[in-house]
Structure formats: C-alpha cells, structure tokens
Amino acid sequence: MNKQEITDILNDNTKNDWLFREADRVRRENVGDEVHLRGLIEFSNICARQCKYCGLRSPNRVIERYRILKDELLLIVQNAVNMGYKTVVLQSGEDDYFDSDKMCEIIKEIKKHDVALTLSIGEKSYDEYKAFKVAGADRYLLRIETTDKNLYREMHPGVNIENRFRCLYDLKSLGYEVGTGCLVGLPNQTTDSLADDILFFRELNADMVGIGPFIPHNETPLAHAENGDFWLALKVMALTRINLPGINIPATTAMETLHPNGRIIALQSGANVVMPNVTSREYRAKYEIYPGKICTNENPEQCRKCIENKIKSIGRTISKSYGHRRANN
C-alpha cells in the first residue's frame, strides 16, 4: 500500500471488518496458525531516560525501583525453560548498571539453555550491539514509538530520533532479527504520522513489530491525556501485517489492558505472538510503564496456562519452535 491508501483506511471506520479479516488471512497464509510464546522478563525498572509517556522515567520519585541481578535472573530463565518457552525476552529501562560485560555474561549463560534470546534494553553503541550478538543474542526490540520528528522530540527530552534510527540500522547490519513498533494515541499524533510509521517498518524490513495503544501514567507529564483508541491501534497492527506479511507481530499486553479480550482480538486480526510475563510476581507491579497492566498479581505458571487456554479457544496452536521469522518472508 502507498501512504494515501494507508491513511484512507485509518480514517475510514466503515472498512474495519474487512481490514481485520484481510489481516487475518494474510497472517494465516504467510506465518500459519501457530502462536509463538515468548517469556518476558522485566529485570530492571531503573531508567536514565525522561520519556514523557513512560512510568519508568527517571523523574518519577514515587515508583519503587528494583534490579534483578544475574543469579536471580538466571533462576527466572530456568523457570521459563521448564515451562516450555523457546524464546526469552530480557526487557529493562535504560539501566547503566548492566554494562556490556555484565550483559554478555548473562547472555552466554542464558544461551546454554537452548533458547532464542531477545534483548530490549534501549539505545546502545554499535560496539555494544556487536558484543551482545557475539555473545549469542538473536533478536533486539527497540520501538521507534513515532517517526514524526517533532512529536518524537516533544515526547523524548534530551535525545534525538536520528540516534534511534542509527540504532535500528546498526542492529540490522549486525544480523539481528530486529523488532520495533509504535504507540498509538500520543497527544498531537495524526493518522498521517501513523501511516509514516507503517512505511518506516516496511523500509526497515523489520522482523517484528509491536503496536500498543497509549495509556497515560499519573506520574508523567501526560497524566491527564486521554487513552489511545484500542480499535485504531488494532487497525495500525492489521495494516502492518498486510504491508509486512511474513513478520512476527505480538498481541500486546496494552491492548488487553484497554479491552478485556484485546489479545485474542489481536490474534484474530493479524498477530501471531504473545509475550506472557515470567518475571517473579514480587517485581511485576513495579514495572509500571502504564497503569492497570494485566496479570501483575498472577504467577508465571498462571499466566502461561491462561493464555494457552485462550489461544486454543480460537482454534490456534502453540508453537514449539524458536519462532524465528520465516525465510523469504
């Protein structure tokens, strides 16, 4: 699709049913009916950044900070492996404690478990990304959030979008499977800029794209902003599937935070990945990027069983593979 076609669909809610059916068809034909489960470990909520939409932002003095160190982290990984996960996702704020040497030690230990490893730990140098790749990391998730340069500047004090682009293209050049994505519903965001986001995903040839609705946090400058629209976020996700047919697309937790069946609806509208939280329950509520996050009071086994039952209820199957992007897609 070209930009005008994408924008027209984003602005026209009379075509929603067709759009979601079409995205589901494209998903089925290109990546099949298997759903890939990724075990998500949120290992530090300490962050040096001041992003205006995020509850982990450094000026937030209310949040109780934590950091899961190597030995405890590896026990959580072991538990995820015991539950059958073939991919582990390490996610944190931009926490300088976990320098290149510490991360490489952790990566090497995790890779002994025969799992695919995704990192989501922010903007790093080319050399750091290279070291992580050499240590064994397979994938890297770094959401652009918005490609609108003015909006990006407004939402991210003290940083620039060009470095974000640099990071994503460095990761591509190093052979990672690269994930990115955007927030839908940021103040002053337009459907025109959302169309540009989708075109950027295609230009990057992203391997994974996560789309989530914006949910305001009361300890941020956007505390009084409105929630993003669930259905608009779903449309952006569906259009991403149609424009990048063979990639991996998660049904994001934020969608279910806004809609009780959000992840299932997303799986029926183009998504093929779910990332259940395997972090120890004592930490979950403290990783509060946005309020009202689902599953914060459940243990990892409960989360896994719950999402498995939901997936089976719509006739889909749980993948037993690593879930790499399919070749030639």
Protein backbone atom coordinates (compact mmCIF):
# COMPACT_ATOMS: atom_id res chain seq x y z
CA MET A 1 0.00 0.00 0.00
CA ASN A 2 1.06 3.57 -0.53
CA LYS A 3 0.71 6.27 2.11
CA GLN A 4 -2.60 7.59 0.82
CA GLU A 5 -4.17 4.14 0.84
CA ILE A 6 -2.99 3.52 4.41
CA THR A 7 -4.20 6.92 5.62
CA ASP A 8 -7.59 6.47 3.94
CA ILE A 9 -8.15 3.18 5.78
CA LEU A 10 -7.03 4.65 9.10
CA ASN A 11 -9.57 7.45 8.66
CA ASP A 12 -12.46 5.23 7.49
CA ASN A 13 -14.07 3.01 10.13
CA THR A 14 -16.57 1.52 7.66
CA LYS A 15 -13.84 -0.81 6.38
CA ASN A 16 -12.72 -2.16 9.75
CA ASP A 17 -14.32 -5.61 9.44
CA TRP A 18 -12.76 -6.12 6.02
CA LEU A 19 -9.39 -4.89 7.27
CA PHE A 20 -9.26 -7.27 10.23
CA ARG A 21 -10.39 -10.24 8.12
CA GLU A 22 -7.81 -9.42 5.46
CA ALA A 23 -5.01 -9.11 8.01
CA ASP A 24 -6.03 -12.46 9.48
CA ARG A 25 -5.97 -14.04 6.02
CA VAL A 26 -2.52 -12.61 5.27
CA ARG A 27 -1.28 -13.87 8.63
CA ARG A 28 -2.64 -17.37 8.02
CA GLU A 29 -1.17 -17.62 4.53
CA ASN A 30 2.26 -16.29 5.48
CA VAL A 31 3.01 -17.45 9.03
CA GLY A 32 0.34 -20.07 9.68
CA ASP A 33 -1.85 -20.76 12.69
CA GLU A 34 0.87 -21.31 15.26
CA VAL A 35 1.20 -18.74 18.04
CA HIS A 36 4.70 -18.15 19.38
CA LEU A 37 5.00 -17.60 23.12
CA ARG A 38 7.92 -15.51 24.36
CA GLY A 39 8.75 -15.49 28.06
CA LEU A 40 9.13 -11.86 29.12
CA ILE A 41 11.47 -10.99 32.00
CA GLU A 42 11.39 -7.37 33.19
CA PHE A 43 14.69 -7.35 35.04
CA SER A 44 15.16 -3.67 35.93
CA ASN A 45 12.80 -0.72 36.18
CA ILE A 46 15.66 1.76 36.61
CA CYS A 47 15.87 4.12 33.66
CA ALA A 48 18.03 7.11 32.79
CA ARG A 49 15.52 8.50 30.27
CA GLN A 50 12.74 11.05 30.71
CA CYS A 51 10.23 9.87 28.09
CA LYS A 52 7.02 11.74 28.82
CA TYR A 53 4.68 8.76 28.31
CA CYS A 54 6.50 6.19 30.46
CA GLY A 55 6.07 5.48 34.16
CA LEU A 56 9.68 4.30 34.44
CA ARG A 57 11.02 7.76 33.52
CA SER A 58 13.85 8.90 35.77
CA PRO A 59 11.99 11.91 37.32
CA ASN A 60 9.34 9.55 38.77
CA ARG A 61 10.16 9.54 42.51
CA VAL A 62 7.08 7.54 43.52
CA ILE A 63 7.98 4.26 41.83
CA GLU A 64 9.82 1.62 43.88
CA ARG A 65 12.91 0.79 41.86
CA TYR A 66 14.38 -2.68 41.56
CA ARG A 67 17.12 -4.54 39.72
CA ILE A 68 17.27 -8.34 39.31
CA LEU A 69 20.91 -9.43 39.41
CA LYS A 70 22.48 -12.25 37.45
CA ASP A 71 21.95 -15.25 39.76
CA GLU A 72 18.29 -14.49 40.40
CA LEU A 73 17.74 -13.62 36.76
CA LEU A 74 19.13 -16.98 35.66
CA LEU A 75 16.76 -18.77 38.05
CA ILE A 76 13.84 -16.98 36.36
CA VAL A 77 15.20 -18.04 32.96
CA GLN A 78 15.45 -21.63 34.18
CA ASN A 79 11.82 -21.50 35.29
CA ALA A 80 10.79 -20.17 31.87
CA VAL A 81 12.65 -23.01 30.16
CA ASN A 82 10.99 -25.53 32.48
CA MET A 83 7.59 -24.16 31.41
CA GLY A 84 8.45 -24.79 27.76
CA TYR A 85 9.39 -21.37 26.46
CA LYS A 86 11.71 -21.44 23.43
CA THR A 87 12.30 -17.68 23.46
CA VAL A 88 13.22 -15.48 26.43
CA VAL A 89 12.89 -11.69 26.24
CA LEU A 90 15.01 -9.56 28.59
CA GLN A 91 13.47 -6.11 28.99
CA SER A 92 14.54 -3.21 31.20
CA GLY A 93 14.75 0.50 31.46
CA GLU A 94 18.00 2.06 30.27
CA ASP A 95 19.94 0.96 33.35
CA ASP A 96 23.66 1.74 33.12
CA TYR A 97 24.49 -0.84 35.79
CA PHE A 98 24.11 -3.55 33.15
CA ASP A 99 27.12 -2.60 31.05
CA SER A 100 28.40 -4.60 28.09
CA ASP A 101 30.47 -7.01 30.19
CA LYS A 102 27.62 -7.83 32.58
CA MET A 103 25.13 -8.27 29.74
CA CYS A 104 27.48 -10.54 27.78
CA GLU A 105 27.94 -12.75 30.84
CA ILE A 106 24.17 -13.03 31.24
CA ILE A 107 23.62 -13.69 27.53
CA LYS A 108 26.17 -16.51 27.44
CA GLU A 109 24.59 -18.20 30.46
CA ILE A 110 21.08 -17.93 29.02
CA LYS A 111 22.15 -19.36 25.67
CA LYS A 112 23.26 -22.56 27.44
CA HIS A 113 19.54 -23.32 27.80
CA ASP A 114 18.92 -23.74 24.05
CA VAL A 115 16.55 -20.80 23.72
CA ALA A 116 16.31 -17.86 21.37
CA LEU A 117 17.12 -14.61 23.18
CA THR A 118 15.60 -11.19 22.57
CA LEU A 119 17.03 -8.08 24.24
CA SER A 120 15.03 -4.93 24.84
CA ILE A 121 17.37 -2.66 26.77
CA GLY A 122 17.46 0.56 24.79
CA GLU A 123 19.89 2.62 22.76
CA LYS A 124 23.47 1.36 22.75
CA SER A 125 26.62 1.87 20.67
CA TYR A 126 27.44 -0.23 17.61
CA ASP A 127 30.20 -1.96 19.57
CA GLU A 128 27.85 -2.87 22.40
CA TYR A 129 25.29 -4.31 19.99
CA LYS A 130 28.08 -6.27 18.31
CA ALA A 131 29.28 -7.66 21.64
CA PHE A 132 25.75 -8.80 22.54
CA LYS A 133 25.42 -10.50 19.15
CA VAL A 134 28.77 -12.28 19.51
CA ALA A 135 27.73 -13.42 23.00
CA GLY A 136 24.65 -15.06 21.47
CA ALA A 137 21.73 -12.62 21.37
CA ASP A 138 19.36 -13.40 18.50
CA ARG A 139 16.90 -10.51 18.45
CA TYR A 140 16.64 -6.94 19.60
CA LEU A 141 13.49 -4.96 20.27
CA LEU A 142 13.72 -1.16 20.05
CA ARG A 143 10.44 0.61 19.39
CA ILE A 144 10.63 3.85 17.45
CA GLU A 145 7.31 4.89 19.12
CA THR A 146 6.76 7.58 16.46
CA THR A 147 8.59 8.57 13.29
CA ASP A 148 7.16 12.09 13.47
CA LYS A 149 10.31 14.06 14.28
CA ASN A 150 8.51 16.91 16.03
CA LEU A 151 6.41 14.56 18.12
CA TYR A 152 9.43 12.40 18.92
CA ARG A 153 11.32 15.46 20.13
CA GLU A 154 8.37 16.50 22.31
CA MET A 155 8.00 13.03 23.85
CA HIS A 156 11.72 12.31 24.41
CA PRO A 157 13.55 15.19 26.17
CA GLY A 158 17.29 15.26 25.66
CA VAL A 159 17.54 12.65 22.89
CA ASN A 160 17.13 12.72 19.13
CA ILE A 161 15.37 10.48 16.66
CA GLU A 162 18.42 10.17 14.41
CA ASN A 163 20.21 8.11 17.05
CA ARG A 164 17.16 5.86 17.29
CA PHE A 165 17.30 5.31 13.54
CA ARG A 166 21.04 4.68 13.78
CA CYS A 167 20.49 2.01 16.42
CA LEU A 168 17.89 0.19 14.36
CA TYR A 169 20.01 0.14 11.21
CA ASP A 170 23.10 -0.90 13.22
CA LEU A 171 21.12 -3.83 14.60
CA LYS A 172 20.03 -4.81 11.08
CA SER A 173 23.59 -4.64 9.79
CA LEU A 174 24.78 -6.90 12.63
CA GLY A 175 22.35 -9.66 11.69
CA TYR A 176 19.83 -9.39 14.49
CA GLU A 177 16.17 -10.06 13.98
CA VAL A 178 15.06 -6.50 14.64
CA GLY A 179 11.85 -5.53 16.36
CA THR A 180 10.36 -2.06 16.52
CA GLY A 181 6.89 -0.54 16.83
CA CYS A 182 4.87 2.47 17.81
CA LEU A 183 2.47 3.90 20.35
CA VAL A 184 -0.97 4.80 19.02
CA GLY A 185 -2.79 7.74 20.56
CA LEU A 186 0.00 10.01 21.74
CA PRO A 187 -1.16 13.64 22.13
CA ASN A 188 -0.98 15.51 18.80
CA GLN A 189 -0.33 12.32 16.83
CA THR A 190 -2.07 12.15 13.44
CA THR A 191 -3.15 9.31 11.16
CA ASP A 192 -0.73 10.79 8.64
CA SER A 193 2.18 10.14 11.01
CA LEU A 194 0.86 6.65 11.82
CA ALA A 195 0.94 5.89 8.10
CA ASP A 196 4.56 7.07 8.04
CA ASP A 197 5.29 4.68 10.93
CA ILE A 198 3.98 1.73 8.92
CA LEU A 199 6.00 2.78 5.86
CA PHE A 200 9.09 3.01 8.07
CA PHE A 201 8.56 -0.54 9.35
CA ARG A 202 8.48 -1.65 5.72
CA GLU A 203 11.54 0.40 4.74
CA LEU A 204 13.50 -1.07 7.68
CA ASN A 205 12.20 -4.53 6.78
CA ALA A 206 11.54 -5.07 10.46
CA ASP A 207 11.32 -8.68 11.59
CA MET A 208 8.97 -7.92 14.49
CA VAL A 209 6.59 -5.02 15.05
CA GLY A 210 4.73 -4.30 18.28
CA ILE A 211 1.80 -1.91 18.27
CA GLY A 212 0.28 -0.66 21.51
CA PRO A 213 -2.30 1.95 22.48
CA PHE A 214 -1.03 4.83 24.59
CA ILE A 215 -2.17 4.61 28.22
CA PRO A 216 -1.33 7.68 30.37
CA HIS A 217 0.52 7.24 33.65
CA ASN A 218 -0.32 9.58 36.53
CA GLU A 219 3.37 10.21 37.38
CA THR A 220 4.19 11.59 33.92
CA PRO A 221 3.59 14.95 32.18
CA LEU A 222 0.85 13.22 30.15
CA ALA A 223 -1.13 12.20 33.22
CA HIS A 224 -4.29 13.97 32.07
CA ALA A 225 -4.14 12.91 28.42
CA GLU A 226 -6.77 10.55 27.00
CA ASN A 227 -6.17 6.86 26.41
CA GLY A 228 -5.24 5.81 22.93
CA ASP A 229 -8.03 4.14 20.98
CA PHE A 230 -7.96 0.33 21.03
CA TRP A 231 -9.53 0.00 17.59
CA LEU A 232 -7.18 2.48 15.96
CA ALA A 233 -4.21 0.60 17.44
CA LEU A 234 -5.70 -2.62 16.07
CA LYS A 235 -6.02 -1.02 12.63
CA VAL A 236 -2.37 0.07 12.67
CA MET A 237 -1.41 -3.50 13.62
CA ALA A 238 -3.59 -5.02 10.86
CA LEU A 239 -2.16 -2.66 8.26
CA THR A 240 1.34 -3.56 9.41
CA ARG A 241 0.53 -7.25 8.81
CA ILE A 242 -0.76 -6.53 5.31
CA ASN A 243 2.31 -4.46 4.44
CA LEU A 244 4.84 -6.87 6.00
CA PRO A 245 3.14 -10.26 5.51
CA GLY A 246 5.76 -12.60 6.94
CA ILE A 247 6.92 -10.83 10.10
CA ASN A 248 6.16 -11.63 13.74
CA ILE A 249 3.57 -9.38 15.37
CA PRO A 250 2.68 -9.61 19.08
CA ALA A 251 -0.76 -9.23 20.55
CA THR A 252 0.39 -6.68 23.10
CA THR A 253 -0.49 -6.57 26.78
CA ALA A 254 -1.56 -2.93 26.45
CA MET A 255 -4.34 -3.98 24.09
CA GLU A 256 -5.81 -6.27 26.75
CA THR A 257 -5.42 -3.55 29.36
CA LEU A 258 -7.88 -1.45 27.35
CA HIS A 259 -10.13 -4.29 26.13
CA PRO A 260 -10.88 -7.48 28.14
CA ASN A 261 -10.35 -9.66 25.05
CA GLY A 262 -7.69 -7.45 23.49
CA ARG A 263 -5.02 -10.08 22.85
CA ILE A 264 -7.47 -12.58 21.35
CA ILE A 265 -8.96 -9.92 19.07
CA ALA A 266 -5.41 -9.00 18.02
CA LEU A 267 -4.59 -12.66 17.27
CA GLN A 268 -7.67 -12.73 15.04
CA SER A 269 -6.59 -9.52 13.27
CA GLY A 270 -3.03 -10.31 12.19
CA ALA A 271 -0.97 -11.05 15.32
CA ASN A 272 0.91 -14.34 15.83
CA VAL A 273 2.95 -13.79 19.02
CA VAL A 274 2.12 -13.41 22.71
CA MET A 275 4.64 -12.48 25.41
CA PRO A 276 3.48 -13.85 28.77
CA ASN A 277 5.26 -12.35 31.76
CA VAL A 278 7.58 -14.81 33.53
CA THR A 279 9.04 -12.23 35.94
CA SER A 280 8.65 -13.13 39.62
CA ARG A 281 5.39 -11.77 40.99
CA GLU A 282 7.16 -9.58 43.57
CA TYR A 283 8.51 -7.36 40.77
CA ARG A 284 5.68 -7.23 38.27
CA ALA A 285 3.63 -4.35 39.63
CA LYS A 286 6.81 -2.27 39.95
CA TYR A 287 7.47 -2.40 36.18
CA GLU A 288 4.71 0.10 35.61
CA ILE A 289 5.22 1.66 32.20
CA TYR A 290 1.48 2.40 32.27
CA PRO A 291 -1.16 1.81 34.98
CA GLY A 292 -3.67 -1.04 35.11
CA LYS A 293 -1.36 -3.55 33.47
CA ILE A 294 -2.89 -7.02 33.37
CA CYS A 295 -1.55 -10.13 35.13
CA THR A 296 0.52 -8.29 37.75
CA ASN A 297 -0.90 -10.50 40.53
CA GLU A 298 -0.51 -13.82 38.75
CA ASN A 299 2.46 -16.14 38.91
CA PRO A 300 4.24 -17.20 35.68
CA GLU A 301 2.54 -20.59 35.59
CA GLN A 302 -0.92 -19.00 35.83
CA CYS A 303 -0.07 -16.56 33.02
CA ARG A 304 1.09 -19.36 30.74
CA LYS A 305 -1.97 -21.55 31.39
CA CYS A 306 -4.37 -18.63 30.93
CA ILE A 307 -3.02 -17.56 27.55
CA GLU A 308 -2.70 -21.17 26.34
CA ASN A 309 -6.40 -21.72 27.03
CA LYS A 310 -7.34 -18.51 25.24
CA ILE A 311 -5.26 -19.42 22.19
CA LYS A 312 -6.76 -22.90 21.99
CA SER A 313 -10.26 -21.46 22.33
CA ILE A 314 -9.90 -19.79 18.91
CA GLY A 315 -8.53 -22.89 17.21
CA ARG A 316 -4.89 -21.82 17.17
CA THR A 317 -1.94 -23.92 18.33
CA ILE A 318 1.10 -23.18 20.48
CA SER A 319 4.36 -23.29 18.55
CA LYS A 320 7.17 -25.49 19.84
CA SER A 321 9.79 -23.78 17.66
CA TYR A 322 12.10 -20.82 18.37
CA GLY A 323 9.78 -18.62 16.34
CA HIS A 324 12.33 -17.02 14.05
CA ARG A 325 11.00 -15.01 11.13
CA ARG A 326 10.31 -17.36 8.27
CA ALA A 327 12.85 -17.33 5.44
CA ASN A 328 11.87 -15.31 2.37
CA ASN A 329 9.13 -13.53 4.26
